[in-house]
Amino acid sequence: MPTIPPRLRVWLATLIAATAVAASTTSTAQPAAGGAQSTIEEITVVGRYPGPPLWKVASGENVLWIFGELNPVPKGLDWDPRNAQRVIENAEVVIGAPRVSAPTFNPIRLFRLFRAARRLARNPAGAGLDDVLPPELYARYSTLRARHQPKDKDEDLRPALAALRLYGAALDDVGLTTDSGVGKTVARLMRRSDADEAEIVVKTEPETVLEELKKVSREAELTCFASIMTSIETDLDGMKERANAWAVGDVAALRRFDYPDSEGNCLAMLFSAGGLAELRDDLYGQWLREAEDALANHARSFSVLPMRQLVAADGVLAQLAARGYTVTPP
């Protein structure tokens, strides 16, 4: 399944999470007590870390340098941006990370959105998770919640919301975060540079997202839920290994890994029923057009993409290579 761009992921996940906040006070993940302690050691990050070297795409003498962003990464990561900064400062054009724009400044509109989100956050007819989940799936969830969210007793949330909350708590338990600030730092460096900036942006409305949530089928939501449970059960060690390799710039390891993305795949499944499924494709289509324009008209350019898009056989770098550009990994 194609990767959800980080800023689209954040926007969708934030809007979905807001429905849970609208419904109840969000529980803070607490360390498990007694025998429920996680067996996975927490990551400790000391000093500044370079992150991965840059990927190179060339067309003749023109070069596009690409920084690979990863989620999740170690909590407390002090990323050293100098490698990216040097390239950005010498670039003629920078291509922004794909993002969604859905401004909402009207207070009345915000209140209406809040009420709509609150209605969508809960299972219909007051049903609990034990009513809407198959017994085997509910048992898996209960075991993981006891380990990573022992104080969370909210049984009324829809399965997708409950799964995403548990996923965040599990990441926190093992010392990982999806909010490292790396993407914001790169965006700030690009804004402050003298380079022309090509924005990759698709506009939509928050109401559109809420309408799409109403269309989500029970099957899609349960598939999403199950995939996140499997990720928590089987991939926390893998996430830690990928995060550490990314932090120290271990390119050999980064190229060897698969990049399963249960959260992104879950979001993609939830929104596959309607127009929002096209947002991701539109964003990457825009990115490819801007990348080809940069390679045709500028000696040096810079961009940022999710790691999977750099190494996957169906990623955008593979698409550029198929179009005749020279792609050189670090």
Protein backbone atom coordinates (compact mmCIF):
# COMPACT_ATOMS: atom_id res chain seq x y z
CA MET A 1 0.00 0.00 0.00
CA PRO A 2 1.45 3.41 -0.94
CA THR A 3 2.92 5.51 1.86
CA ILE A 4 0.82 8.28 3.37
CA PRO A 5 2.90 11.51 3.30
CA PRO A 6 3.92 12.54 6.84
CA ARG A 7 1.94 15.79 6.81
CA LEU A 8 -1.16 14.09 5.41
CA ARG A 9 -0.74 11.36 8.05
CA VAL A 10 -0.47 13.95 10.83
CA TRP A 11 -3.49 15.85 9.53
CA LEU A 12 -5.69 12.75 9.25
CA ALA A 13 -4.52 11.24 12.52
CA THR A 14 -4.97 14.54 14.36
CA LEU A 15 -8.49 14.96 13.04
CA ILE A 16 -9.37 11.38 13.98
CA ALA A 17 -7.80 11.78 17.40
CA ALA A 18 -9.77 14.97 17.89
CA THR A 19 -12.95 12.93 17.74
CA ALA A 20 -11.72 10.98 20.74
CA VAL A 21 -10.84 14.19 22.58
CA ALA A 22 -14.27 15.54 21.76
CA ALA A 23 -15.84 12.44 23.25
CA SER A 24 -13.85 12.23 26.46
CA THR A 25 -10.73 13.32 28.24
CA THR A 26 -7.84 11.43 26.69
CA SER A 27 -6.08 9.09 29.05
CA THR A 28 -2.34 9.48 29.38
CA ALA A 29 -0.36 6.30 28.88
CA GLN A 30 1.09 5.09 32.17
CA PRO A 31 3.76 2.47 32.83
CA ALA A 32 2.26 -0.98 33.30
CA ALA A 33 2.17 -2.26 36.84
CA GLY A 34 3.48 -5.52 38.23
CA GLY A 35 3.63 -8.41 35.79
CA ALA A 36 2.24 -6.32 32.94
CA GLN A 37 5.54 -4.50 32.44
CA SER A 38 6.71 -4.41 28.84
CA THR A 39 9.71 -6.61 28.12
CA ILE A 40 11.03 -4.17 25.52
CA GLU A 41 13.73 -1.85 26.80
CA GLU A 42 13.27 1.87 26.30
CA ILE A 43 15.59 3.62 23.87
CA THR A 44 18.09 6.06 25.37
CA VAL A 45 19.39 8.74 23.02
CA VAL A 46 22.48 10.70 23.98
CA GLY A 47 24.15 13.44 21.94
CA ARG A 48 23.30 14.70 18.46
CA TYR A 49 22.45 12.27 15.68
CA PRO A 50 22.91 12.91 11.96
CA GLY A 51 20.03 10.91 10.55
CA PRO A 52 20.54 9.28 7.15
CA PRO A 53 22.71 10.69 4.35
CA LEU A 54 20.88 12.08 1.33
CA TRP A 55 19.71 10.20 -1.74
CA LYS A 56 20.79 11.62 -5.11
CA VAL A 57 18.75 11.81 -8.30
CA ALA A 58 20.52 13.15 -11.40
CA SER A 59 19.64 14.21 -14.90
CA GLY A 60 22.87 15.08 -16.66
CA GLU A 61 24.57 17.71 -14.49
CA ASN A 62 21.40 18.58 -12.56
CA VAL A 63 20.97 16.96 -9.15
CA LEU A 64 18.04 16.59 -6.75
CA TRP A 65 19.04 15.67 -3.19
CA ILE A 66 16.41 13.95 -1.02
CA PHE A 67 16.28 13.56 2.74
CA GLY A 68 14.49 10.45 4.03
CA GLU A 69 12.12 11.06 6.95
CA LEU A 70 11.14 8.20 9.27
CA ASN A 71 8.33 7.67 11.76
CA PRO A 72 8.55 6.71 14.54
CA VAL A 73 11.97 7.81 15.83
CA PRO A 74 13.57 7.74 19.29
CA LYS A 75 12.05 10.10 21.84
CA GLY A 76 14.38 12.94 22.79
CA LEU A 77 16.23 12.68 19.48
CA ASP A 78 18.57 15.65 19.04
CA TRP A 79 18.84 15.58 15.26
CA ASP A 80 21.83 17.36 13.70
CA PRO A 81 20.48 19.08 10.55
CA ARG A 82 23.80 20.25 9.13
CA ASN A 83 23.99 17.72 6.28
CA ALA A 84 20.57 18.77 5.02
CA GLN A 85 21.23 22.44 5.78
CA ARG A 86 24.34 22.59 3.59
CA VAL A 87 22.43 21.24 0.61
CA ILE A 88 19.42 23.49 1.23
CA GLU A 89 21.65 26.59 1.41
CA ASN A 90 23.12 25.78 -2.02
CA ALA A 91 19.88 24.73 -3.67
CA GLU A 92 18.18 26.76 -6.38
CA VAL A 93 14.78 25.24 -5.59
CA VAL A 94 13.39 23.22 -2.66
CA ILE A 95 10.36 20.97 -2.95
CA GLY A 96 8.23 21.03 0.18
CA ALA A 97 6.91 17.92 1.88
CA PRO A 98 3.45 16.91 0.59
CA ARG A 99 0.77 18.44 2.81
CA VAL A 100 -2.96 19.07 3.11
CA SER A 101 -4.47 22.50 3.67
CA ALA A 102 -7.83 22.66 5.44
CA PRO A 103 -8.02 26.00 7.29
CA THR A 104 -10.81 26.42 9.83
CA PHE A 105 -10.92 29.82 11.50
CA ASN A 106 -14.65 30.38 11.95
CA PRO A 107 -15.59 29.74 15.64
CA ILE A 108 -19.11 28.62 14.75
CA ARG A 109 -17.72 26.18 12.19
CA LEU A 110 -15.25 24.85 14.76
CA PHE A 111 -18.09 24.25 17.23
CA ARG A 112 -20.09 22.37 14.60
CA LEU A 113 -17.06 20.26 13.71
CA PHE A 114 -16.53 19.49 17.40
CA ARG A 115 -20.12 18.28 17.77
CA ALA A 116 -19.90 16.17 14.61
CA ALA A 117 -16.61 14.65 15.75
CA ARG A 118 -18.10 13.85 19.14
CA ARG A 119 -20.95 11.93 17.54
CA LEU A 120 -18.59 9.98 15.30
CA ALA A 121 -16.21 9.03 18.11
CA ARG A 122 -18.59 6.62 19.80
CA ASN A 123 -19.97 3.25 18.78
CA PRO A 124 -23.65 3.40 17.79
CA ALA A 125 -26.40 2.72 20.33
CA GLY A 126 -24.00 2.94 23.27
CA ALA A 127 -22.21 -0.30 22.34
CA GLY A 128 -18.85 -1.08 23.93
CA LEU A 129 -15.74 -2.43 22.28
CA ASP A 130 -16.59 -5.89 23.62
CA ASP A 131 -19.86 -5.67 21.69
CA VAL A 132 -18.43 -4.59 18.32
CA LEU A 133 -15.17 -6.55 18.26
CA PRO A 134 -14.93 -10.30 17.66
CA PRO A 135 -14.02 -12.04 20.96
CA GLU A 136 -10.53 -13.04 19.81
CA LEU A 137 -9.73 -9.50 18.68
CA TYR A 138 -11.11 -7.98 21.86
CA ALA A 139 -8.97 -10.38 23.93
CA ARG A 140 -5.84 -9.27 22.07
CA TYR A 141 -6.77 -5.63 22.60
CA SER A 142 -7.41 -6.17 26.31
CA THR A 143 -4.01 -7.82 26.78
CA LEU A 144 -2.19 -5.00 25.00
CA ARG A 145 -4.18 -2.30 26.77
CA ALA A 146 -3.30 -3.82 30.15
CA ARG A 147 0.35 -3.61 29.16
CA HIS A 148 0.47 -0.17 27.59
CA GLN A 149 -2.66 1.68 28.83
CA PRO A 150 -3.48 0.14 32.22
CA LYS A 151 -5.49 3.16 33.40
CA ASP A 152 -7.56 3.55 30.24
CA LYS A 153 -10.99 2.03 30.82
CA ASP A 154 -12.84 3.78 27.98
CA GLU A 155 -14.89 1.08 26.25
CA ASP A 156 -17.09 3.35 24.14
CA LEU A 157 -14.64 4.54 21.48
CA ARG A 158 -14.91 3.25 17.94
CA PRO A 159 -12.36 0.51 17.20
CA ALA A 160 -10.16 2.67 14.94
CA LEU A 161 -9.85 5.39 17.57
CA ALA A 162 -9.15 2.90 20.35
CA ALA A 163 -6.48 1.21 18.21
CA LEU A 164 -4.72 4.46 17.29
CA ARG A 165 -4.67 5.58 20.92
CA LEU A 166 -3.22 2.24 22.01
CA TYR A 167 -0.62 2.41 19.23
CA GLY A 168 0.55 5.82 20.48
CA ALA A 169 0.76 4.53 24.05
CA ALA A 170 2.78 1.49 22.95
CA LEU A 171 5.26 3.68 21.07
CA ASP A 172 5.62 5.90 24.11
CA ASP A 173 6.25 2.85 26.30
CA VAL A 174 9.24 1.73 24.22
CA GLY A 175 10.76 5.19 23.81
CA LEU A 176 9.48 6.09 20.35
CA THR A 177 7.55 9.06 19.02
CA THR A 178 5.94 10.18 15.77
CA ASP A 179 6.44 13.83 16.76
CA SER A 180 10.21 14.27 16.54
CA GLY A 181 10.21 17.78 15.07
CA VAL A 182 12.55 16.69 12.27
CA GLY A 183 10.04 17.50 9.54
CA LYS A 184 9.36 20.91 11.06
CA THR A 185 13.08 21.66 11.24
CA VAL A 186 13.56 20.76 7.56
CA ALA A 187 10.56 22.89 6.58
CA ARG A 188 11.95 25.83 8.56
CA LEU A 189 15.36 25.51 6.89
CA MET A 190 13.69 25.50 3.47
CA ARG A 191 11.60 28.59 4.27
CA ARG A 192 14.67 30.50 5.47
CA SER A 193 16.78 29.63 2.45
CA ASP A 194 17.13 31.81 -0.66
CA ALA A 195 15.87 28.97 -2.86
CA ASP A 196 12.56 29.06 -4.66
CA GLU A 197 10.06 26.79 -2.90
CA ALA A 198 7.67 24.51 -4.76
CA GLU A 199 4.75 23.72 -2.47
CA ILE A 200 3.07 20.31 -2.70
CA VAL A 201 -0.37 21.01 -1.31
CA VAL A 202 -3.90 19.69 -1.76
CA LYS A 203 -6.82 21.64 -0.33
CA THR A 204 -9.81 20.01 1.32
CA GLU A 205 -12.30 20.70 4.10
CA PRO A 206 -12.53 19.16 7.59
CA GLU A 207 -16.22 18.47 6.92
CA THR A 208 -15.15 16.32 3.98
CA VAL A 209 -13.04 14.15 6.27
CA LEU A 210 -15.89 13.72 8.73
CA GLU A 211 -18.20 12.74 5.89
CA GLU A 212 -15.67 10.14 4.78
CA LEU A 213 -15.49 8.76 8.31
CA LYS A 214 -19.24 8.18 8.19
CA LYS A 215 -18.72 5.96 5.13
CA VAL A 216 -16.16 3.66 6.75
CA SER A 217 -17.41 0.07 6.67
CA ARG A 218 -17.27 -2.18 9.71
CA GLU A 219 -15.04 -4.57 7.78
CA ALA A 220 -12.52 -1.84 6.95
CA GLU A 221 -12.46 -0.60 10.54
CA LEU A 222 -11.93 -4.10 11.94
CA THR A 223 -9.17 -4.77 9.41
CA CYS A 224 -7.51 -1.54 10.46
CA PHE A 225 -7.90 -2.47 14.12
CA ALA A 226 -6.43 -5.95 13.64
CA SER A 227 -3.45 -4.63 11.67
CA ILE A 228 -2.52 -2.25 14.47
CA MET A 229 -2.85 -4.99 17.09
CA THR A 230 -0.51 -7.16 15.01
CA SER A 231 1.97 -4.30 14.68
CA ILE A 232 2.05 -3.73 18.44
CA GLU A 233 2.39 -7.47 19.09
CA THR A 234 5.12 -8.16 16.53
CA ASP A 235 6.86 -5.01 15.30
CA LEU A 236 7.86 -2.86 18.29
CA ASP A 237 11.37 -4.32 18.23
CA GLY A 238 11.52 -3.75 14.47
CA MET A 239 10.41 -0.13 14.91
CA LYS A 240 13.17 0.40 17.47
CA GLU A 241 15.77 -1.13 15.17
CA ARG A 242 14.68 1.04 12.23
CA ALA A 243 14.56 4.14 14.44
CA ASN A 244 18.08 3.58 15.76
CA ALA A 245 19.45 2.89 12.27
CA TRP A 246 17.84 6.09 11.00
CA ALA A 247 19.21 8.14 13.91
CA VAL A 248 22.83 7.07 13.36
CA GLY A 249 22.60 7.10 9.56
CA ASP A 250 23.17 3.35 9.08
CA VAL A 251 22.38 3.27 5.35
CA ALA A 252 23.07 -0.45 4.92
CA ALA A 253 20.47 -1.26 7.55
CA LEU A 254 17.98 1.28 6.20
CA ARG A 255 18.17 -0.27 2.74
CA ARG A 256 17.75 -3.77 4.19
CA PHE A 257 14.60 -3.08 6.20
CA ASP A 258 11.03 -3.44 5.17
CA TYR A 259 8.93 -0.46 6.22
CA PRO A 260 5.59 -1.76 7.51
CA ASP A 261 3.32 1.13 8.37
CA SER A 262 0.30 -0.07 10.32
CA GLU A 263 -0.87 3.42 11.26
CA GLY A 264 -0.55 4.75 7.71
CA ASN A 265 -2.15 1.65 6.22
CA CYS A 266 -4.97 1.91 8.73
CA LEU A 267 -5.61 5.54 7.78
CA ALA A 268 -5.50 4.59 4.11
CA MET A 269 -8.06 1.83 4.68
CA LEU A 270 -10.37 4.14 6.61
CA PHE A 271 -10.43 6.69 3.83
CA SER A 272 -10.39 4.35 0.85
CA ALA A 273 -14.15 4.62 0.37
CA GLY A 274 -14.25 8.19 -0.92
CA GLY A 275 -12.46 11.19 -2.32
CA LEU A 276 -9.81 11.35 0.40
CA ALA A 277 -8.18 8.21 -0.98
CA GLU A 278 -7.11 10.34 -3.94
CA LEU A 279 -5.38 12.93 -1.73
CA ARG A 280 -2.30 10.76 -1.33
CA ASP A 281 -2.07 10.01 -5.06
CA ASP A 282 -2.56 13.68 -5.92
CA LEU A 283 0.19 14.72 -3.54
CA TYR A 284 2.76 12.26 -4.87
CA GLY A 285 1.74 13.07 -8.44
CA GLN A 286 2.43 16.74 -7.74
CA TRP A 287 5.75 15.84 -6.15
CA LEU A 288 6.87 13.85 -9.19
CA ARG A 289 6.00 16.73 -11.53
CA GLU A 290 7.95 19.21 -9.40
CA ALA A 291 10.90 16.82 -9.12
CA GLU A 292 11.08 16.41 -12.89
CA ASP A 293 10.82 20.18 -13.37
CA ALA A 294 13.67 20.72 -10.90
CA LEU A 295 15.84 18.14 -12.64
CA ALA A 296 15.15 19.73 -16.01
CA ASN A 297 15.77 23.35 -15.01
CA HIS A 298 17.95 23.59 -11.89
CA ALA A 299 21.50 22.53 -11.15
CA ARG A 300 20.82 21.80 -7.47
CA SER A 301 17.54 21.09 -5.70
CA PHE A 302 16.37 19.52 -2.44
CA SER A 303 13.33 17.69 -1.10
CA VAL A 304 12.14 15.41 1.70
CA LEU A 305 10.18 12.15 1.49
CA PRO A 306 9.26 9.20 3.74
CA MET A 307 12.00 6.56 3.88
CA ARG A 308 9.79 3.94 2.27
CA GLN A 309 9.42 6.08 -0.84
CA LEU A 310 13.21 6.07 -1.19
CA VAL A 311 13.84 2.35 -0.87
CA ALA A 312 10.65 0.55 -1.94
CA ALA A 313 10.31 -1.09 -5.34
CA ASP A 314 7.12 0.90 -5.93
CA GLY A 315 8.35 4.15 -4.33
CA VAL A 316 8.73 7.47 -6.13
CA LEU A 317 12.50 7.05 -6.53
CA ALA A 318 11.87 3.76 -8.32
CA GLN A 319 9.42 5.63 -10.55
CA LEU A 320 12.04 8.28 -11.34
CA ALA A 321 14.58 5.56 -12.13
CA ALA A 322 12.06 3.93 -14.46
CA ARG A 323 11.72 7.26 -16.26
CA GLY A 324 15.44 7.33 -16.99
CA TYR A 325 16.85 9.39 -14.14
CA THR A 326 19.98 8.21 -12.32
CA VAL A 327 19.19 7.36 -8.69
CA THR A 328 22.16 6.93 -6.37
CA PRO A 329 21.64 5.78 -2.77
CA PRO A 330 24.06 7.08 -0.10
